[in-house]
């Protein structure tokens, strides 16, 4: 993708400009509105291009499921290695664009490491994630925060008692989902391990509720999110929570997302992935 186009698409993705302004800027670059609209599908196909593990991978059992949540049935993508062995489980929480193909793919990647995974759709109470990611982002902003957290806490309960699960459950999430992962750690005493990626920190007074071990990933160039680290770390120490913090210098917010060429940082993403899988194996398989 052209660097200039990637930069304005990033502004649009991050909510710094709306769709109308994005199309206006893209029209200037491409030479007209018609050309901009013609290019748009190609730009938005990045999700499919970055697929690492196919949905029909013969090593995996994949399907769409529903589990009981605070607001009713929550839809989720399920994946696990084929076979009857009981396995620990990991919840994968999406960014503020809803449950897209990238996050489903991440769930399959984790499953291949020897876990049951589910990727819940936070927009289930509103009919599910739409194809238009701009609409999805707007819908995310209208969710009830407490109900949304409880829907993810319900995922912990679902996996803890799942007949194919060992009962040990972890969570990982990205951006908005990173913040949600922190909230699940606060609100679910059954959670064993949490690995939030550049997620908003919980309030300091909530930290003593955390029983899970934490692996916290942050991007060196993410000033907004990083501003909350000192207070969070102080509270974690005071509450004697088991945690590790890793800072990835030179990386931007959303550095793990390989569908976003202007954010993806290959070295940081690979290292964070290796650390996360090792963390889950140590915390959930022993």
Protein backbone atom coordinates (compact mmCIF):
# COMPACT_ATOMS: atom_id res chain seq x y z
CA UNK A 1 0.00 0.00 0.00
CA UNK A 2 1.26 3.49 -0.87
CA UNK A 3 2.72 5.15 2.23
CA UNK A 4 0.51 8.24 1.94
CA UNK A 5 -2.61 6.11 1.59
CA UNK A 6 -1.53 3.94 4.52
CA UNK A 7 -1.11 7.03 6.70
CA UNK A 8 -4.60 8.40 6.04
CA UNK A 9 -6.10 4.93 6.39
CA UNK A 10 -4.42 4.70 9.79
CA UNK A 11 -5.99 8.04 10.77
CA UNK A 12 -9.36 6.67 9.70
CA UNK A 13 -8.83 3.36 11.52
CA UNK A 14 -7.89 5.13 14.73
CA UNK A 15 -10.95 7.39 14.57
CA UNK A 16 -8.93 10.57 14.01
CA UNK A 17 -10.94 11.30 10.85
CA UNK A 18 -14.38 10.06 9.81
CA UNK A 19 -15.22 8.12 6.65
CA UNK A 20 -16.21 11.26 4.75
CA UNK A 21 -12.89 12.95 5.46
CA UNK A 22 -11.02 9.74 4.63
CA UNK A 23 -12.70 9.48 1.21
CA UNK A 24 -11.99 13.17 0.60
CA UNK A 25 -8.26 12.74 1.31
CA UNK A 26 -8.12 9.48 -0.65
CA UNK A 27 -9.78 11.23 -3.61
CA UNK A 28 -7.04 13.85 -3.65
CA UNK A 29 -4.35 11.16 -3.73
CA UNK A 30 -6.04 8.97 -6.35
CA UNK A 31 -7.30 11.79 -8.56
CA UNK A 32 -11.02 11.62 -7.94
CA UNK A 33 -13.90 10.23 -5.92
CA UNK A 34 -14.57 7.39 -8.36
CA UNK A 35 -10.96 6.25 -8.16
CA UNK A 36 -11.06 6.44 -4.36
CA UNK A 37 -14.13 4.24 -4.14
CA UNK A 38 -12.62 1.81 -6.64
CA UNK A 39 -9.50 1.46 -4.48
CA UNK A 40 -11.37 1.15 -1.17
CA UNK A 41 -12.19 -2.60 -1.39
CA UNK A 42 -8.52 -3.37 -2.07
CA UNK A 43 -7.45 -1.37 0.98
CA UNK A 44 -10.01 -3.08 3.23
CA UNK A 45 -9.05 -6.59 2.08
CA UNK A 46 -5.93 -6.52 4.25
CA UNK A 47 -7.62 -8.81 6.78
CA UNK A 48 -7.84 -11.72 4.36
CA UNK A 49 -4.35 -11.13 2.98
CA UNK A 50 -2.75 -11.54 6.41
CA UNK A 51 -4.38 -14.88 7.27
CA UNK A 52 -1.85 -17.21 8.89
CA UNK A 53 -3.97 -20.26 9.75
CA UNK A 54 -6.84 -21.11 7.42
CA UNK A 55 -10.31 -21.72 8.81
CA UNK A 56 -10.31 -25.20 7.26
CA UNK A 57 -6.83 -26.13 8.54
CA UNK A 58 -6.97 -29.94 8.84
CA UNK A 59 -5.18 -29.85 12.20
CA UNK A 60 -8.01 -27.93 13.84
CA UNK A 61 -11.63 -28.29 14.83
CA UNK A 62 -13.17 -24.86 14.13
CA UNK A 63 -16.77 -23.71 14.35
CA UNK A 64 -19.04 -20.90 15.46
CA UNK A 65 -20.56 -21.30 18.93
CA UNK A 66 -22.81 -19.48 21.39
CA UNK A 67 -22.43 -19.29 25.16
CA UNK A 68 -24.67 -17.76 27.85
CA UNK A 69 -23.67 -14.20 28.76
CA UNK A 70 -24.99 -11.33 30.85
CA UNK A 71 -27.00 -9.96 27.91
CA UNK A 72 -28.09 -13.30 26.45
CA UNK A 73 -26.32 -15.55 23.97
CA UNK A 74 -22.83 -14.41 22.96
CA UNK A 75 -21.51 -15.54 19.58
CA UNK A 76 -17.89 -16.65 19.37
CA UNK A 77 -15.44 -18.41 17.07
CA UNK A 78 -14.14 -21.68 18.51
CA UNK A 79 -10.92 -23.53 17.65
CA UNK A 80 -8.96 -26.42 19.12
CA UNK A 81 -6.55 -29.09 17.90
CA UNK A 82 -8.36 -32.17 16.68
CA UNK A 83 -8.62 -35.01 19.19
CA UNK A 84 -10.23 -35.80 22.53
CA UNK A 85 -7.51 -34.56 24.88
CA UNK A 86 -8.61 -32.08 27.52
CA UNK A 87 -6.79 -28.79 27.04
CA UNK A 88 -6.46 -25.44 28.82
CA UNK A 89 -8.38 -22.57 27.24
CA UNK A 90 -7.65 -19.03 26.04
CA UNK A 91 -10.12 -16.24 25.27
CA UNK A 92 -9.06 -13.89 22.46
CA UNK A 93 -10.62 -10.40 22.63
CA UNK A 94 -10.84 -8.25 19.52
CA UNK A 95 -10.01 -4.59 18.91
CA UNK A 96 -12.64 -1.85 18.64
CA UNK A 97 -13.72 -3.04 15.18
CA UNK A 98 -15.51 -6.11 16.42
CA UNK A 99 -14.85 -9.76 15.69
CA UNK A 100 -13.12 -9.73 12.31
CA UNK A 101 -11.18 -12.33 10.32
CA UNK A 102 -7.86 -11.21 11.79
CA UNK A 103 -8.94 -11.97 15.37
CA UNK A 104 -10.47 -15.30 14.34
CA UNK A 105 -7.11 -16.10 12.75
CA UNK A 106 -5.27 -15.20 15.96
CA UNK A 107 -7.55 -17.60 17.81
CA UNK A 108 -6.60 -20.38 15.40
CA UNK A 109 -2.90 -19.54 15.84
CA UNK A 110 -3.24 -19.95 19.60
CA UNK A 111 -5.20 -23.18 19.17
CA UNK A 112 -2.35 -24.72 17.18
CA UNK A 113 -0.15 -24.19 20.24
CA UNK A 114 -2.30 -26.67 22.16
CA UNK A 115 -5.24 -24.71 23.53
CA UNK A 116 -8.99 -24.47 23.22
CA UNK A 117 -9.73 -20.91 22.08
CA UNK A 118 -12.82 -18.80 21.72
CA UNK A 119 -12.99 -15.31 20.24
CA UNK A 120 -16.24 -13.73 21.48
CA UNK A 121 -18.09 -11.07 19.54
CA UNK A 122 -18.66 -8.16 21.93
CA UNK A 123 -21.31 -6.83 19.55
CA UNK A 124 -23.52 -9.92 19.98
CA UNK A 125 -26.14 -7.92 21.95
CA UNK A 126 -26.43 -5.57 18.94
CA UNK A 127 -26.78 -8.29 16.33
CA UNK A 128 -23.08 -9.05 15.81
CA UNK A 129 -20.16 -7.38 14.06
CA UNK A 130 -21.13 -5.75 10.73
CA UNK A 131 -18.91 -5.87 7.64
CA UNK A 132 -18.39 -2.10 7.75
CA UNK A 133 -15.63 -1.58 10.32
CA UNK A 134 -16.55 2.09 10.69
CA UNK A 135 -20.03 1.02 11.75
CA UNK A 136 -18.53 -1.58 14.08
CA UNK A 137 -16.36 1.02 15.79
CA UNK A 138 -19.40 3.24 16.30
CA UNK A 139 -21.36 0.31 17.76
CA UNK A 140 -18.53 -0.57 20.16
CA UNK A 141 -18.81 2.93 21.60
CA UNK A 142 -22.48 2.34 22.38
CA UNK A 143 -22.00 -0.87 24.35
CA UNK A 144 -22.80 -0.92 28.06
CA UNK A 145 -19.37 -1.22 29.69
CA UNK A 146 -20.40 -3.32 32.69
CA UNK A 147 -22.50 -5.74 30.64
CA UNK A 148 -19.68 -6.13 28.13
CA UNK A 149 -17.17 -7.02 30.84
CA UNK A 150 -19.65 -9.53 32.30
CA UNK A 151 -20.10 -11.14 28.87
CA UNK A 152 -16.35 -11.80 28.77
CA UNK A 153 -16.33 -12.99 32.40
CA UNK A 154 -19.06 -15.42 31.32
CA UNK A 155 -16.63 -16.75 28.71
CA UNK A 156 -14.26 -17.70 31.55
CA UNK A 157 -17.07 -19.59 33.29
CA UNK A 158 -18.04 -21.29 30.03
CA UNK A 159 -14.52 -22.52 29.35
CA UNK A 160 -13.78 -23.47 32.97
CA UNK A 161 -16.61 -26.01 32.84
CA UNK A 162 -16.31 -27.00 29.17
CA UNK A 163 -16.15 -30.81 28.85
CA UNK A 164 -13.01 -30.61 26.68
CA UNK A 165 -11.26 -28.14 29.02
CA UNK A 166 -8.87 -28.78 31.91
CA UNK A 167 -10.58 -25.90 33.72
CA UNK A 168 -7.63 -23.51 33.42
CA UNK A 169 -8.47 -20.36 31.47
CA UNK A 170 -6.42 -17.42 30.19
CA UNK A 171 -7.27 -14.30 28.20
CA UNK A 172 -5.47 -12.12 25.67
CA UNK A 173 -6.71 -9.02 23.88
CA UNK A 174 -5.61 -6.18 21.66
CA UNK A 175 -6.17 -2.40 21.97
CA UNK A 176 -9.79 -2.16 23.17
CA UNK A 177 -9.56 -5.88 23.82
CA UNK A 178 -6.40 -5.34 25.84
CA UNK A 179 -8.33 -3.05 28.15
CA UNK A 180 -11.10 -5.65 28.33
CA UNK A 181 -8.53 -8.32 29.22
CA UNK A 182 -7.46 -6.20 32.19
CA UNK A 183 -11.11 -5.87 33.21
CA UNK A 184 -11.65 -9.63 32.98
CA UNK A 185 -8.64 -10.09 35.28
CA UNK A 186 -10.25 -7.68 37.76
CA UNK A 187 -13.70 -9.23 37.61
CA UNK A 188 -13.05 -12.97 37.28
CA UNK A 189 -11.40 -14.74 40.23
CA UNK A 190 -11.41 -17.92 38.13
CA UNK A 191 -9.04 -16.46 35.52
CA UNK A 192 -5.53 -17.94 35.72
CA UNK A 193 -3.56 -15.78 33.25
CA UNK A 194 -4.02 -12.58 31.23
CA UNK A 195 -1.89 -11.13 28.42
CA UNK A 196 -3.24 -7.70 27.41
CA UNK A 197 -1.62 -6.03 24.40
CA UNK A 198 -1.40 -2.22 24.77
CA UNK A 199 -4.62 -2.15 26.76
CA UNK A 200 -6.11 0.53 28.94
CA UNK A 201 -5.32 -0.08 32.59
CA UNK A 202 -7.99 -0.63 35.27
CA UNK A 203 -8.47 1.84 38.10
CA UNK A 204 -5.85 1.41 40.82
CA UNK A 205 -8.46 0.60 43.49
CA UNK A 206 -9.64 -2.38 41.41
CA UNK A 207 -6.20 -3.98 41.12
CA UNK A 208 -6.31 -5.90 44.46
CA UNK A 209 -9.16 -7.99 42.99
CA UNK A 210 -6.78 -9.51 40.41
CA UNK A 211 -5.93 -13.16 41.10
CA UNK A 212 -4.48 -14.01 37.67
CA UNK A 213 -0.85 -13.72 36.58
CA UNK A 214 -0.32 -10.88 34.10
CA UNK A 215 1.89 -10.46 31.04
CA UNK A 216 1.58 -6.84 29.92
CA UNK A 217 2.73 -5.79 26.44
CA UNK A 218 3.20 -2.09 25.57
CA UNK A 219 4.44 -0.18 22.52
CA UNK A 220 7.24 2.32 23.01
CA UNK A 221 5.56 4.97 20.83
CA UNK A 222 2.13 4.61 22.46
CA UNK A 223 2.15 7.67 24.71
CA UNK A 224 -1.59 7.71 25.44
CA UNK A 225 -1.78 4.14 26.79
CA UNK A 226 1.68 4.21 28.36
CA UNK A 227 0.73 7.18 30.52
CA UNK A 228 -1.24 4.78 32.71
CA UNK A 229 1.59 2.31 33.32
CA UNK A 230 3.24 3.88 36.43
CA UNK A 231 0.01 4.00 38.44
CA UNK A 232 -0.94 0.49 37.33
CA UNK A 233 2.45 -0.95 38.21
CA UNK A 234 2.46 0.72 41.60
CA UNK A 235 -0.94 -0.80 42.36
CA UNK A 236 0.17 -4.24 41.12
CA UNK A 237 3.20 -4.17 43.41
CA UNK A 238 1.16 -2.98 46.38
CA UNK A 239 -1.37 -5.78 45.84
CA UNK A 240 1.37 -8.41 45.29
CA UNK A 241 -0.04 -9.39 41.90
CA UNK A 242 2.21 -11.63 39.79
CA UNK A 243 3.05 -9.60 36.67
CA UNK A 244 5.65 -8.82 34.01
CA UNK A 245 5.76 -5.73 31.79
CA UNK A 246 7.45 -5.66 28.39
CA UNK A 247 8.01 -2.47 26.46
CA UNK A 248 8.65 -2.77 22.70
CA UNK A 249 10.73 0.25 21.77
CA UNK A 250 10.14 1.72 18.32
CA UNK A 251 6.75 0.02 18.02
CA UNK A 252 3.42 1.81 17.64
CA UNK A 253 0.08 1.04 19.24
CA UNK A 254 -1.42 -2.03 17.52
CA UNK A 255 2.02 -3.33 16.52
CA UNK A 256 0.80 -6.94 16.55
CA UNK A 257 -1.87 -6.39 13.89
CA UNK A 258 -0.34 -7.73 10.68
CA UNK A 259 -3.32 -6.47 8.66
CA UNK A 260 -2.28 -2.87 9.35
CA UNK A 261 0.97 -2.22 7.42
CA UNK A 262 1.51 1.19 8.95
CA UNK A 263 1.32 -0.19 12.51
CA UNK A 264 2.66 -3.74 12.26
CA UNK A 265 6.13 -4.18 13.73
CA UNK A 266 7.34 -7.64 12.76
CA UNK A 267 10.13 -7.97 15.31
CA UNK A 268 8.00 -6.76 18.23
CA UNK A 269 5.02 -8.86 17.14
CA UNK A 270 7.05 -12.08 16.92
CA UNK A 271 8.73 -11.51 20.27
CA UNK A 272 5.45 -10.65 22.00
CA UNK A 273 3.86 -13.76 20.48
CA UNK A 274 6.67 -16.03 21.68
CA UNK A 275 6.48 -14.57 25.16
CA UNK A 276 2.70 -14.92 25.28
CA UNK A 277 2.61 -18.55 24.19
CA UNK A 278 5.39 -19.43 26.67
CA UNK A 279 3.46 -17.58 29.39
CA UNK A 280 0.23 -19.45 28.70
CA UNK A 281 1.99 -22.80 28.58
CA UNK A 282 3.69 -22.11 31.91
CA UNK A 283 0.56 -20.78 33.63
CA UNK A 284 -2.13 -23.00 32.11
CA UNK A 285 -0.40 -26.32 31.42
CA UNK A 286 1.36 -26.89 34.74
